Every structure is written in C-alpha cells, then in structure tokens.
C-alpha cells in the first residue's frame, strides 16, 4: 500500500446538492426548503434551545449552586501539618512557602486535627479553642 493509492471506500463520498437547477433535479424552485415559514427564508434559523416561543428548558429549571468568594481567600491548616514543619515561628508566608495554603490566601485558621509534639509560636494566624489548648499545653505561644 502506498500513500498515492489511498482512496475513500466506495459510497463514502457523495456529490454535494446543487440546488436551484430546475424542476428535474428535485431541488428546483424552493430548493428543498418547502413553502413559506421561518426555515424557508435566508437567515431563518433559531437560536440553540429555542422551543417555538415556549419557555425553554434552561429557563424553566431553577438555578443551583453557590461558590462563596470568602472560600477563595481563607483556608484551614491542621495541627498535624504544622508539626511536620521544621520552623518554630509559624506565619502565613511560611505556610505558603511549604504549599500548605495557596498563594491567594489572606487568612488562615489552625484547627485541632491530629497532634502536635513540639513547642511552636503561631504569629498572626487564627486558632480554634481546641488547637489553642493543645499548643499552650506544650508551652507554645499565639501572637495576635
């Protein structure tokens, strides 16, 4: 087989419709569009989802879902994740450096999940009551 011998299978290619070439062609006069109506006219197409004036499906169904904008700027960090860090002074910039929170995060909250085994200082980060107890039990500090 050679590239210059390749051809489409028999019956695969059809000749295009040549409309408006007389009544003997079956596509004369109205050119296969029928008589009158929107679809018979040039440019007579409807938009996607049009249902003949009936309220379309995409407008009949209720809107669902909500994504809070607060979610995009706030995040949570577990105590167990903080315990894995080598530094003792924990700040938002440090959490961004270790990819614990994304770059567009502005506020972080430490939650009580997992355990902490060493003394740390939390700087300008919110802390839940349970996490605060766990940090202060190991002589850790929380700076507001």
Protein backbone atom coordinates (compact mmCIF):
# COMPACT_ATOMS: atom_id res chain seq x y z
CA UNK A 1 0.00 0.00 0.00
CA UNK A 2 1.27 3.46 -0.92
CA UNK A 3 0.04 6.90 0.08
CA UNK A 4 -0.69 7.87 -3.52
CA UNK A 5 -3.00 4.86 -3.95
CA UNK A 6 -5.23 5.55 -0.92
CA UNK A 7 -8.87 6.35 -1.78
CA UNK A 8 -12.08 6.58 0.25
CA UNK A 9 -14.27 3.48 0.38
CA UNK A 10 -16.94 3.11 -2.32
CA UNK A 11 -20.06 5.10 -1.41
CA UNK A 12 -18.21 7.14 1.21
CA UNK A 13 -18.09 10.38 -0.80
CA UNK A 14 -21.31 11.92 -2.12
CA UNK A 15 -21.71 14.73 -4.60
CA UNK A 16 -22.94 17.96 -2.99
CA UNK A 17 -26.54 19.11 -3.51
CA UNK A 18 -26.79 21.52 -6.42
CA UNK A 19 -29.91 23.47 -5.53
CA UNK A 20 -31.89 25.76 -7.82
CA UNK A 21 -31.03 23.89 -11.04
CA UNK A 22 -34.50 23.23 -12.40
CA UNK A 23 -37.52 21.10 -11.52
CA UNK A 24 -35.98 17.90 -12.89
CA UNK A 25 -33.35 17.91 -10.17
CA UNK A 26 -35.87 17.65 -7.29
CA UNK A 27 -34.13 20.71 -5.84
CA UNK A 28 -35.55 23.43 -8.09
CA UNK A 29 -37.82 26.39 -7.23
CA UNK A 30 -37.88 26.18 -3.40
CA UNK A 31 -34.55 24.27 -3.32
CA UNK A 32 -35.72 21.60 -0.85
CA UNK A 33 -36.84 24.16 1.75
CA UNK A 34 -40.60 23.73 1.32
CA UNK A 35 -43.11 26.62 1.14
CA UNK A 36 -43.15 29.62 3.49
CA UNK A 37 -42.14 29.73 7.15
CA UNK A 38 -39.05 30.78 9.02
CA UNK A 39 -36.89 27.87 7.86
CA UNK A 40 -37.59 28.60 4.22
CA UNK A 41 -36.12 32.09 4.37
CA UNK A 42 -32.49 33.12 4.21
CA UNK A 43 -31.01 33.60 7.68
CA UNK A 44 -34.09 31.89 9.12
CA UNK A 45 -32.51 29.85 11.86
CA UNK A 46 -33.41 29.82 15.55
CA UNK A 47 -31.04 30.04 18.48
CA UNK A 48 -29.95 26.91 20.34
CA UNK A 49 -32.58 25.80 22.83
CA UNK A 50 -35.43 27.69 21.12
CA UNK A 51 -38.75 25.88 21.63
CA UNK A 52 -41.10 27.84 19.38
CA UNK A 53 -41.88 30.51 21.95
CA UNK A 54 -42.45 28.08 24.81
CA UNK A 55 -40.29 28.84 27.86
CA UNK A 56 -37.07 26.94 27.10
CA UNK A 57 -35.77 24.19 29.35
CA UNK A 58 -32.71 26.13 30.51
CA UNK A 59 -35.00 28.91 31.78
CA UNK A 60 -37.64 26.62 33.30
CA UNK A 61 -35.16 24.83 35.57
CA UNK A 62 -34.02 26.52 38.79
CA UNK A 63 -30.54 27.89 39.28
CA UNK A 64 -28.47 25.77 41.65
CA UNK A 65 -25.12 26.02 43.36
CA UNK A 66 -23.19 28.76 45.08
CA UNK A 67 -19.48 29.37 45.49
CA UNK A 68 -18.54 31.79 48.25
CA UNK A 69 -15.87 34.36 47.46
CA UNK A 70 -14.66 34.09 51.06
CA UNK A 71 -13.64 30.49 50.30
CA UNK A 72 -11.06 31.72 47.78
CA UNK A 73 -9.19 33.87 50.32
CA UNK A 74 -9.41 31.76 53.51
CA UNK A 75 -8.02 28.37 54.44
CA UNK A 76 -7.53 25.95 57.31
CA UNK A 77 -4.39 24.18 58.48
CA UNK A 78 -4.26 21.13 60.76
CA UNK A 79 -2.05 20.89 63.83
CA UNK A 80 -0.50 17.72 62.40
CA UNK A 81 0.62 19.67 59.30
CA UNK A 82 2.21 22.38 61.47
CA UNK A 83 4.01 19.67 63.48
CA UNK A 84 5.76 18.46 60.30
CA UNK A 85 7.31 21.90 59.64
CA UNK A 86 10.87 22.47 60.87
CA UNK A 87 10.44 26.14 61.89
CA UNK A 88 9.16 27.21 65.29
CA UNK A 89 7.72 30.58 64.15
CA UNK A 90 4.63 29.88 62.02
CA UNK A 91 3.33 32.66 59.72
CA UNK A 92 1.09 32.77 56.65
CA UNK A 93 4.14 33.34 54.41
CA UNK A 94 5.76 30.21 55.82
CA UNK A 95 2.62 28.16 55.11
CA UNK A 96 2.61 29.49 51.53
CA UNK A 97 6.29 28.60 51.18
CA UNK A 98 5.58 24.96 52.13
CA UNK A 99 2.42 24.86 49.92
CA UNK A 100 0.08 24.20 52.84
CA UNK A 101 -2.10 27.07 51.61
CA UNK A 102 -2.39 28.59 48.11
CA UNK A 103 -0.82 31.91 47.14
CA UNK A 104 -4.04 33.96 47.10
CA UNK A 105 -4.97 33.07 50.71
CA UNK A 106 -5.18 36.06 53.08
CA UNK A 107 -6.49 34.50 56.31
CA UNK A 108 -5.64 31.12 57.83
CA UNK A 109 -7.08 29.26 60.81
CA UNK A 110 -5.33 26.45 62.70
CA UNK A 111 -7.73 23.65 63.62
CA UNK A 112 -7.41 20.80 66.11
CA UNK A 113 -6.83 17.81 63.86
CA UNK A 114 -4.02 15.41 64.63
CA UNK A 115 -1.43 16.02 67.32
CA UNK A 116 1.39 18.43 67.92
CA UNK A 117 4.53 17.20 69.67
CA UNK A 118 6.70 20.31 69.99
CA UNK A 119 6.60 23.94 71.06
CA UNK A 120 5.64 26.43 68.32
CA UNK A 121 4.78 30.12 68.06
CA UNK A 122 1.77 30.99 65.91
CA UNK A 123 2.09 34.52 64.53
CA UNK A 124 -0.93 36.46 63.12
CA UNK A 125 -2.95 33.31 62.43
CA UNK A 126 -6.37 32.50 63.91
CA UNK A 127 -6.60 29.42 66.11
CA UNK A 128 -9.59 27.38 67.30
CA UNK A 129 -10.16 26.82 71.04
CA UNK A 130 -9.08 23.18 70.91
CA UNK A 131 -5.93 23.94 68.91
CA UNK A 132 -5.09 26.78 71.32
CA UNK A 133 -5.27 24.41 74.30
CA UNK A 134 -3.06 21.86 72.54
CA UNK A 135 -0.42 24.48 71.63
CA UNK A 136 -0.38 26.11 75.06
CA UNK A 137 -0.15 22.70 76.78
CA UNK A 138 3.32 22.38 75.20
CA UNK A 139 4.33 25.94 76.24
CA UNK A 140 3.62 27.27 72.73
CA UNK A 141 2.62 30.89 72.10
CA UNK A 142 -0.08 32.52 69.99
CA UNK A 143 0.59 36.11 68.87
CA UNK A 144 -2.41 38.02 67.52
